[in-house]
Amino acid sequence: MTHSMKRNPSNTNQHIYSEPYFLGSPVIYHRGDLIENYLLRIHECLTQALALHARICVMRFDLYVPEHFFQGALQDNSLISKFFSSLQAKIDHAQAQSRKAGHRVHDADLRKIWTREISENGRVHFHVAIIVNHDAFAFIGRFDLDSNNMYARIHEAWASALSMYPIDIKGYVHIPDQPTYLVIRGEEASFNDAFYRMSYFAKLKTKQYQKGFHTFGCSRPRRREQDQLGQLL
């Protein structure tokens, strides 16, 4: 792969990418330039998850910040951090309940990819993808806040981050068409489908730079996982 020499004028550490393929996988390049650094991290995140699990489930959704939300709370990354902490806690609780009920429980370590953007009308929102072991969670589930599924957990976690009630944030969580992807180790087509969708997160436009907060985040392997990856890769 030939690295782009063009840099992001708002962050000169970032390289601009405008080719249709990245490391052999197709990307959404026709909507504008992409940030090569972000594409690499997305690719690594998916690859590392597949090194540990033969099948992974990628769940895609959007989180919107209410128009009336206190703007001071948007000056750092605490909002999205609170969301992921709450979601992880809810997943851990669900796993514990299943284990207590005598069910077989699979490892459900949570990986995430997210990007913070701002719309033309100034509305802050997050594009999010979570990656989990497919044997543990395979679906977002029925669109019902009373269900014990990922749909309800996502709403509850975002409500917790916003200090609101889940019933009051229905319009602030968007589940798009085809929100889940099954990616199978060694199956190139399934990897490419998910990576293509995630490449949208790397677009240059609609991001705010030099504002004191990150516009992109992606899980890195933990120390235990690094040891496992070293044995597998």
C-alpha atoms as a PDB file:
ATOM      1  CA  MET A   1       0.000   0.000   0.000  1.00  0.00           C
ATOM      2  CA  THR A   2       1.297   3.451  -0.904  1.00  0.00           C
ATOM      3  CA  HIS A   3       0.745   5.891   1.920  1.00  0.00           C
ATOM      4  CA  SER A   4      -0.823   9.212   1.059  1.00  0.00           C
ATOM      5  CA  MET A   5       1.469  12.223   1.379  1.00  0.00           C
ATOM      6  CA  LYS A   6      -1.469  14.586   1.733  1.00  0.00           C
ATOM      7  CA  ARG A   7      -2.145  15.581   5.324  1.00  0.00           C
ATOM      8  CA  ASN A   8      -5.182  16.810   7.195  1.00  0.00           C
ATOM      9  CA  PRO A   9      -4.707  20.601   7.446  1.00  0.00           C
ATOM     10  CA  SER A  10      -6.508  20.579  10.810  1.00  0.00           C
ATOM     11  CA  ASN A  11      -4.247  17.832  12.194  1.00  0.00           C
ATOM     12  CA  THR A  12      -1.004  17.338  10.311  1.00  0.00           C
ATOM     13  CA  ASN A  13      -0.378  14.000  12.067  1.00  0.00           C
ATOM     14  CA  GLN A  14      -3.178  12.524   9.971  1.00  0.00           C
ATOM     15  CA  HIS A  15      -2.843  11.337   6.381  1.00  0.00           C
ATOM     16  CA  ILE A  16      -5.656  11.783   3.862  1.00  0.00           C
ATOM     17  CA  TYR A  17      -6.771   8.683   1.968  1.00  0.00           C
ATOM     18  CA  SER A  18      -8.837   8.733  -1.239  1.00  0.00           C
ATOM     19  CA  GLU A  19      -8.341   5.296  -2.805  1.00  0.00           C
ATOM     20  CA  PRO A  20     -11.182   2.749  -3.256  1.00  0.00           C
ATOM     21  CA  TYR A  21      -9.341  -0.018  -1.346  1.00  0.00           C
ATOM     22  CA  PHE A  22      -7.406  -0.068   1.913  1.00  0.00           C
ATOM     23  CA  LEU A  23      -5.201  -3.088   2.700  1.00  0.00           C
ATOM     24  CA  GLY A  24      -7.168  -4.986   0.066  1.00  0.00           C
ATOM     25  CA  SER A  25     -10.622  -4.177   1.469  1.00  0.00           C
ATOM     26  CA  PRO A  26     -13.099  -1.762  -0.173  1.00  0.00           C
ATOM     27  CA  VAL A  27     -13.870   1.533   1.554  1.00  0.00           C
ATOM     28  CA  ILE A  28     -16.509   4.248   1.196  1.00  0.00           C
ATOM     29  CA  TYR A  29     -14.308   6.674  -0.722  1.00  0.00           C
ATOM     30  CA  HIS A  30     -16.914   8.281  -3.003  1.00  0.00           C
ATOM     31  CA  ARG A  31     -18.336  10.458  -0.213  1.00  0.00           C
ATOM     32  CA  GLY A  32     -15.107  12.355   0.262  1.00  0.00           C
ATOM     33  CA  ASP A  33     -11.614  11.951   1.664  1.00  0.00           C
ATOM     34  CA  LEU A  34     -10.907   9.542   4.506  1.00  0.00           C
ATOM     35  CA  ILE A  35      -8.365   9.643   7.318  1.00  0.00           C
ATOM     36  CA  GLU A  36      -5.832   6.878   6.788  1.00  0.00           C
ATOM     37  CA  ASN A  37      -4.894   6.689  10.480  1.00  0.00           C
ATOM     38  CA  TYR A  38      -8.494   5.883  11.381  1.00  0.00           C
ATOM     39  CA  LEU A  39      -8.843   3.278   8.636  1.00  0.00           C
ATOM     40  CA  LEU A  40      -5.786   1.489  10.001  1.00  0.00           C
ATOM     41  CA  ARG A  41      -7.135   1.440  13.545  1.00  0.00           C
ATOM     42  CA  ILE A  42     -10.533   0.141  12.398  1.00  0.00           C
ATOM     43  CA  HIS A  43      -8.818  -2.606  10.399  1.00  0.00           C
ATOM     44  CA  GLU A  44      -6.634  -3.539  13.380  1.00  0.00           C
ATOM     45  CA  CYS A  45      -9.600  -3.601  15.770  1.00  0.00           C
ATOM     46  CA  LEU A  46     -11.538  -6.039  13.582  1.00  0.00           C
ATOM     47  CA  THR A  47      -8.459  -8.168  12.925  1.00  0.00           C
ATOM     48  CA  GLN A  48      -7.560  -8.403  16.610  1.00  0.00           C
ATOM     49  CA  ALA A  49     -11.112  -9.369  17.555  1.00  0.00           C
ATOM     50  CA  LEU A  50     -11.056 -12.147  14.953  1.00  0.00           C
ATOM     51  CA  ALA A  51      -7.733 -13.411  16.277  1.00  0.00           C
ATOM     52  CA  LEU A  52      -9.447 -14.108  19.611  1.00  0.00           C
ATOM     53  CA  HIS A  53     -12.874 -15.206  18.374  1.00  0.00           C
ATOM     54  CA  ALA A  54     -13.692 -17.292  15.302  1.00  0.00           C
ATOM     55  CA  ARG A  55     -16.904 -15.302  14.835  1.00  0.00           C
ATOM     56  CA  ILE A  56     -17.622 -11.738  15.858  1.00  0.00           C
ATOM     57  CA  CYS A  57     -20.752  -9.620  15.725  1.00  0.00           C
ATOM     58  CA  VAL A  58     -20.435  -5.961  14.748  1.00  0.00           C
ATOM     59  CA  MET A  59     -23.387  -3.811  15.873  1.00  0.00           C
ATOM     60  CA  ARG A  60     -23.804  -0.371  14.311  1.00  0.00           C
ATOM     61  CA  PHE A  61     -25.876   2.529  15.716  1.00  0.00           C
ATOM     62  CA  ASP A  62     -25.892   6.304  16.245  1.00  0.00           C
ATOM     63  CA  LEU A  63     -26.183   8.343  19.435  1.00  0.00           C
ATOM     64  CA  TYR A  64     -27.534  11.901  19.349  1.00  0.00           C
ATOM     65  CA  VAL A  65     -27.049  14.577  21.960  1.00  0.00           C
ATOM     66  CA  PRO A  66     -30.268  16.475  22.867  1.00  0.00           C
ATOM     67  CA  GLU A  67     -30.397  20.056  21.620  1.00  0.00           C
ATOM     68  CA  HIS A  68     -30.924  21.332  25.174  1.00  0.00           C
ATOM     69  CA  PHE A  69     -27.998  19.378  26.606  1.00  0.00           C
ATOM     70  CA  PHE A  70     -25.483  21.344  28.669  1.00  0.00           C
ATOM     71  CA  GLN A  71     -22.772  22.349  26.209  1.00  0.00           C
ATOM     72  CA  GLY A  72     -20.099  22.341  28.886  1.00  0.00           C
ATOM     73  CA  ALA A  73     -20.434  18.556  29.047  1.00  0.00           C
ATOM     74  CA  LEU A  74     -19.380  18.338  25.394  1.00  0.00           C
ATOM     75  CA  GLN A  75     -15.942  19.860  25.898  1.00  0.00           C
ATOM     76  CA  ASP A  76     -14.263  16.495  26.505  1.00  0.00           C
ATOM     77  CA  ASN A  77     -14.806  12.761  25.936  1.00  0.00           C
ATOM     78  CA  SER A  78     -16.615  12.049  29.195  1.00  0.00           C
ATOM     79  CA  LEU A  79     -20.057  11.581  27.614  1.00  0.00           C
ATOM     80  CA  ILE A  80     -19.080   8.762  25.277  1.00  0.00           C
ATOM     81  CA  SER A  81     -16.839   7.261  27.984  1.00  0.00           C
ATOM     82  CA  LYS A  82     -19.791   7.147  30.387  1.00  0.00           C
ATOM     83  CA  PHE A  83     -21.874   5.437  27.718  1.00  0.00           C
ATOM     84  CA  PHE A  84     -19.362   2.653  27.141  1.00  0.00           C
ATOM     85  CA  SER A  85     -18.765   2.150  30.862  1.00  0.00           C
ATOM     86  CA  SER A  86     -22.489   1.811  31.448  1.00  0.00           C
ATOM     87  CA  LEU A  87     -22.950  -0.535  28.491  1.00  0.00           C
ATOM     88  CA  GLN A  88     -20.098  -2.765  29.665  1.00  0.00           C
ATOM     89  CA  ALA A  89     -21.632  -2.909  33.146  1.00  0.00           C
ATOM     90  CA  LYS A  90     -24.996  -3.925  31.684  1.00  0.00           C
ATOM     91  CA  ILE A  91     -23.387  -6.624  29.557  1.00  0.00           C
ATOM     92  CA  ASP A  92     -21.497  -7.929  32.594  1.00  0.00           C
ATOM     93  CA  HIS A  93     -24.737  -7.990  34.586  1.00  0.00           C
ATOM     94  CA  ALA A  94     -26.552  -9.895  31.831  1.00  0.00           C
ATOM     95  CA  GLN A  95     -23.711 -12.417  31.707  1.00  0.00           C
ATOM     96  CA  ALA A  96     -23.785 -12.833  35.477  1.00  0.00           C
ATOM     97  CA  GLN A  97     -27.545 -13.410  35.444  1.00  0.00           C
ATOM     98  CA  SER A  98     -27.226 -16.033  32.714  1.00  0.00           C
ATOM     99  CA  ARG A  99     -24.444 -17.766  34.595  1.00  0.00           C
ATOM    100  CA  LYS A 100     -26.511 -17.714  37.781  1.00  0.00           C
ATOM    101  CA  ALA A 101     -29.404 -19.308  35.888  1.00  0.00           C
ATOM    102  CA  GLY A 102     -27.129 -22.170  34.874  1.00  0.00           C
ATOM    103  CA  HIS A 103     -26.714 -21.205  31.229  1.00  0.00           C
ATOM    104  CA  ARG A 104     -23.465 -21.523  29.350  1.00  0.00           C
ATOM    105  CA  VAL A 105     -21.878 -18.081  29.124  1.00  0.00           C
ATOM    106  CA  HIS A 106     -19.389 -17.123  26.426  1.00  0.00           C
ATOM    107  CA  ASP A 107     -16.718 -14.466  26.734  1.00  0.00           C
ATOM    108  CA  ALA A 108     -18.315 -11.105  25.900  1.00  0.00           C
ATOM    109  CA  ASP A 109     -15.455  -8.630  25.941  1.00  0.00           C
ATOM    110  CA  LEU A 110     -16.633  -5.357  24.416  1.00  0.00           C
ATOM    111  CA  ARG A 111     -14.692  -3.594  21.696  1.00  0.00           C
ATOM    112  CA  LYS A 112     -15.804  -0.300  20.277  1.00  0.00           C
ATOM    113  CA  ILE A 113     -15.216   2.040  17.378  1.00  0.00           C
ATOM    114  CA  TRP A 114     -16.737   5.497  17.454  1.00  0.00           C
ATOM    115  CA  THR A 115     -16.515   8.881  15.849  1.00  0.00           C
ATOM    116  CA  ARG A 116     -17.883  12.206  17.003  1.00  0.00           C
ATOM    117  CA  GLU A 117     -19.360  14.479  14.356  1.00  0.00           C
ATOM    118  CA  ILE A 118     -21.396  17.637  14.067  1.00  0.00           C
ATOM    119  CA  SER A 119     -24.270  18.080  11.618  1.00  0.00           C
ATOM    120  CA  GLU A 120     -24.922  21.132   9.457  1.00  0.00           C
ATOM    121  CA  ASN A 121     -27.328  22.462  12.080  1.00  0.00           C
ATOM    122  CA  GLY A 122     -24.681  22.123  14.790  1.00  0.00           C
ATOM    123  CA  ARG A 123     -26.038  18.964  16.412  1.00  0.00           C
ATOM    124  CA  VAL A 124     -23.421  16.717  18.027  1.00  0.00           C
ATOM    125  CA  HIS A 125     -23.770  12.990  17.401  1.00  0.00           C
ATOM    126  CA  PHE A 126     -21.713   9.819  17.609  1.00  0.00           C
ATOM    127  CA  HIS A 127     -21.491   7.007  15.078  1.00  0.00           C
ATOM    128  CA  VAL A 128     -20.794   3.841  17.054  1.00  0.00           C
ATOM    129  CA  ALA A 129     -19.923   0.226  16.363  1.00  0.00           C
ATOM    130  CA  ILE A 130     -19.466  -2.353  19.077  1.00  0.00           C
ATOM    131  CA  ILE A 131     -17.751  -5.664  18.461  1.00  0.00           C
ATOM    132  CA  VAL A 132     -18.553  -8.722  20.552  1.00  0.00           C
ATOM    133  CA  ASN A 133     -18.059 -12.457  20.457  1.00  0.00           C
ATOM    134  CA  HIS A 134     -20.854 -13.730  18.198  1.00  0.00           C
ATOM    135  CA  ASP A 135     -21.325 -16.753  20.449  1.00  0.00           C
ATOM    136  CA  ALA A 136     -22.250 -14.376  23.279  1.00  0.00           C
ATOM    137  CA  PHE A 137     -24.365 -11.781  21.452  1.00  0.00           C
ATOM    138  CA  ALA A 138     -25.546 -12.077  17.856  1.00  0.00           C
ATOM    139  CA  PHE A 139     -28.362  -9.533  17.539  1.00  0.00           C
ATOM    140  CA  ILE A 140     -29.385  -6.071  18.679  1.00  0.00           C
ATOM    141  CA  GLY A 141     -32.796  -7.591  19.269  1.00  0.00           C
ATOM    142  CA  ARG A 142     -36.390  -6.468  19.210  1.00  0.00           C
ATOM    143  CA  PHE A 143     -36.966  -2.714  19.380  1.00  0.00           C
ATOM    144  CA  ASP A 144     -38.489  -2.867  22.841  1.00  0.00           C
ATOM    145  CA  LEU A 145     -37.114  -1.067  25.881  1.00  0.00           C
ATOM    146  CA  ASP A 146     -38.602  -3.716  28.167  1.00  0.00           C
ATOM    147  CA  SER A 147     -36.645  -6.514  26.512  1.00  0.00           C
ATOM    148  CA  ASN A 148     -33.490  -8.007  27.951  1.00  0.00           C
ATOM    149  CA  ASN A 149     -31.454  -7.389  24.806  1.00  0.00           C
ATOM    150  CA  MET A 150     -28.783  -5.135  23.327  1.00  0.00           C
ATOM    151  CA  TYR A 151     -31.352  -2.654  22.018  1.00  0.00           C
ATOM    152  CA  ALA A 152     -32.559  -1.962  25.548  1.00  0.00           C
ATOM    153  CA  ARG A 153     -29.029  -1.957  26.990  1.00  0.00           C
ATOM    154  CA  ILE A 154     -27.837   0.593  24.418  1.00  0.00           C
ATOM    155  CA  HIS A 155     -30.759   2.883  25.247  1.00  0.00           C
ATOM    156  CA  GLU A 156     -30.267   2.456  28.985  1.00  0.00           C
ATOM    157  CA  ALA A 157     -26.531   3.153  28.717  1.00  0.00           C
ATOM    158  CA  TRP A 158     -27.041   6.312  26.649  1.00  0.00           C
ATOM    159  CA  ALA A 159     -29.748   7.467  29.053  1.00  0.00           C
ATOM    160  CA  SER A 160     -27.340   6.900  31.931  1.00  0.00           C
ATOM    161  CA  ALA A 161     -24.634   8.946  30.206  1.00  0.00           C
ATOM    162  CA  LEU A 162     -27.113  11.776  29.584  1.00  0.00           C
ATOM    163  CA  SER A 163     -28.636  11.499  33.094  1.00  0.00           C
ATOM    164  CA  MET A 164     -32.044  10.891  31.522  1.00  0.00           C
ATOM    165  CA  TYR A 165     -34.667   8.130  31.606  1.00  0.00           C
ATOM    166  CA  PRO A 166     -34.534   5.526  28.804  1.00  0.00           C
ATOM    167  CA  ILE A 167     -38.114   6.293  27.769  1.00  0.00           C
ATOM    168  CA  ASP A 168     -37.106   9.922  27.164  1.00  0.00           C
ATOM    169  CA  ILE A 169     -34.252   9.245  24.742  1.00  0.00           C
ATOM    170  CA  LYS A 170     -35.982   7.139  22.091  1.00  0.00           C
ATOM    171  CA  GLY A 171     -35.303   9.775  19.448  1.00  0.00           C
ATOM    172  CA  TYR A 172     -31.665  10.048  20.462  1.00  0.00           C
ATOM    173  CA  VAL A 173     -30.654   6.493  19.561  1.00  0.00           C
ATOM    174  CA  HIS A 174     -30.843   5.531  15.902  1.00  0.00           C
ATOM    175  CA  ILE A 175     -30.564   1.934  14.728  1.00  0.00           C
ATOM    176  CA  PRO A 176     -29.877   1.988  10.958  1.00  0.00           C
ATOM    177  CA  ASP A 177     -30.820  -0.560   8.335  1.00  0.00           C
ATOM    178  CA  GLN A 178     -28.702  -3.719   8.581  1.00  0.00           C
ATOM    179  CA  PRO A 179     -27.281  -2.854  12.000  1.00  0.00           C
ATOM    180  CA  THR A 180     -25.414  -6.133  12.563  1.00  0.00           C
ATOM    181  CA  TYR A 181     -22.663  -7.961  10.724  1.00  0.00           C
ATOM    182  CA  LEU A 182     -21.458 -11.509  11.302  1.00  0.00           C
ATOM    183  CA  VAL A 183     -17.736 -11.616  10.551  1.00  0.00           C
ATOM    184  CA  ILE A 184     -16.097 -15.027  10.344  1.00  0.00           C
ATOM    185  CA  ARG A 185     -12.378 -15.633  10.700  1.00  0.00           C
ATOM    186  CA  GLY A 186     -10.885 -16.478   7.313  1.00  0.00           C
ATOM    187  CA  GLU A 187     -14.004 -15.421   5.402  1.00  0.00           C
ATOM    188  CA  GLU A 188     -12.849 -12.389   3.437  1.00  0.00           C
ATOM    189  CA  ALA A 189     -16.278 -11.355   2.172  1.00  0.00           C
ATOM    190  CA  SER A 190     -17.740 -11.010   5.665  1.00  0.00           C
ATOM    191  CA  PHE A 191     -14.727  -8.960   6.810  1.00  0.00           C
ATOM    192  CA  ASN A 192     -14.955  -6.699   3.780  1.00  0.00           C
ATOM    193  CA  ASP A 193     -18.669  -6.055   4.314  1.00  0.00           C
ATOM    194  CA  ALA A 194     -18.126  -4.915   7.892  1.00  0.00           C
ATOM    195  CA  PHE A 195     -14.967  -2.933   7.151  1.00  0.00           C
ATOM    196  CA  TYR A 196     -16.648  -1.133   4.254  1.00  0.00           C
ATOM    197  CA  ARG A 197     -19.461  -0.020   6.565  1.00  0.00           C
ATOM    198  CA  MET A 198     -17.009   1.028   9.284  1.00  0.00           C
ATOM    199  CA  SER A 199     -14.843   3.000   6.843  1.00  0.00           C
ATOM    200  CA  TYR A 200     -17.518   5.694   6.941  1.00  0.00           C
ATOM    201  CA  PHE A 201     -16.247   6.503  10.438  1.00  0.00           C
ATOM    202  CA  ALA A 202     -12.941   7.615   8.904  1.00  0.00           C
ATOM    203  CA  LYS A 203     -14.381  10.377   6.715  1.00  0.00           C
ATOM    204  CA  LEU A 204     -12.654  13.734   6.976  1.00  0.00           C
ATOM    205  CA  LYS A 205     -15.723  15.952   6.781  1.00  0.00           C
ATOM    206  CA  THR A 206     -18.094  16.847   9.662  1.00  0.00           C
ATOM    207  CA  LYS A 207     -15.449  16.334  12.353  1.00  0.00           C
ATOM    208  CA  GLN A 208     -14.285  19.029  14.754  1.00  0.00           C
ATOM    209  CA  TYR A 209     -10.556  19.290  15.300  1.00  0.00           C
ATOM    210  CA  GLN A 210      -8.391  21.098  17.843  1.00  0.00           C
ATOM    211  CA  LYS A 211     -11.278  21.459  20.289  1.00  0.00           C
ATOM    212  CA  GLY A 212      -9.831  19.625  23.282  1.00  0.00           C
ATOM    213  CA  PHE A 213     -11.616  16.320  22.669  1.00  0.00           C
ATOM    214  CA  HIS A 214     -11.144  13.297  20.435  1.00  0.00           C
ATOM    215  CA  THR A 215     -13.188  12.917  17.268  1.00  0.00           C
ATOM    216  CA  PHE A 216     -12.444   9.194  16.959  1.00  0.00           C
ATOM    217  CA  GLY A 217     -11.882   6.310  19.321  1.00  0.00           C
ATOM    218  CA  CYS A 218     -11.098   2.638  18.883  1.00  0.00           C
ATOM    219  CA  SER A 219     -10.377  -0.172  21.322  1.00  0.00           C
ATOM    220  CA  ARG A 220      -6.815  -1.324  21.723  1.00  0.00           C
ATOM    221  CA  PRO A 221      -5.940  -4.838  22.911  1.00  0.00           C
ATOM    222  CA  ARG A 222      -5.574  -5.243  26.666  1.00  0.00           C
ATOM    223  CA  ARG A 223      -2.340  -6.687  28.087  1.00  0.00           C
ATOM    224  CA  ARG A 224      -3.883 -10.143  28.483  1.00  0.00           C
ATOM    225  CA  GLU A 225      -5.130  -9.972  24.906  1.00  0.00           C
ATOM    226  CA  GLN A 226      -1.754  -8.767  23.649  1.00  0.00           C
ATOM    227  CA  ASP A 227      -0.202 -11.915  25.083  1.00  0.00           C
ATOM    228  CA  GLN A 228      -2.846 -14.046  23.362  1.00  0.00           C
ATOM    229  CA  LEU A 229      -2.451 -12.166  20.097  1.00  0.00           C
ATOM    230  CA  GLY A 230       1.292 -12.666  20.234  1.00  0.00           C
ATOM    231  CA  GLN A 231       0.708 -16.416  20.323  1.00  0.00           C
ATOM    232  CA  LEU A 232      -1.931 -16.384  17.591  1.00  0.00           C
ATOM    233  CA  LEU A 233      -0.660 -13.874  15.043  1.00  0.00           C
END
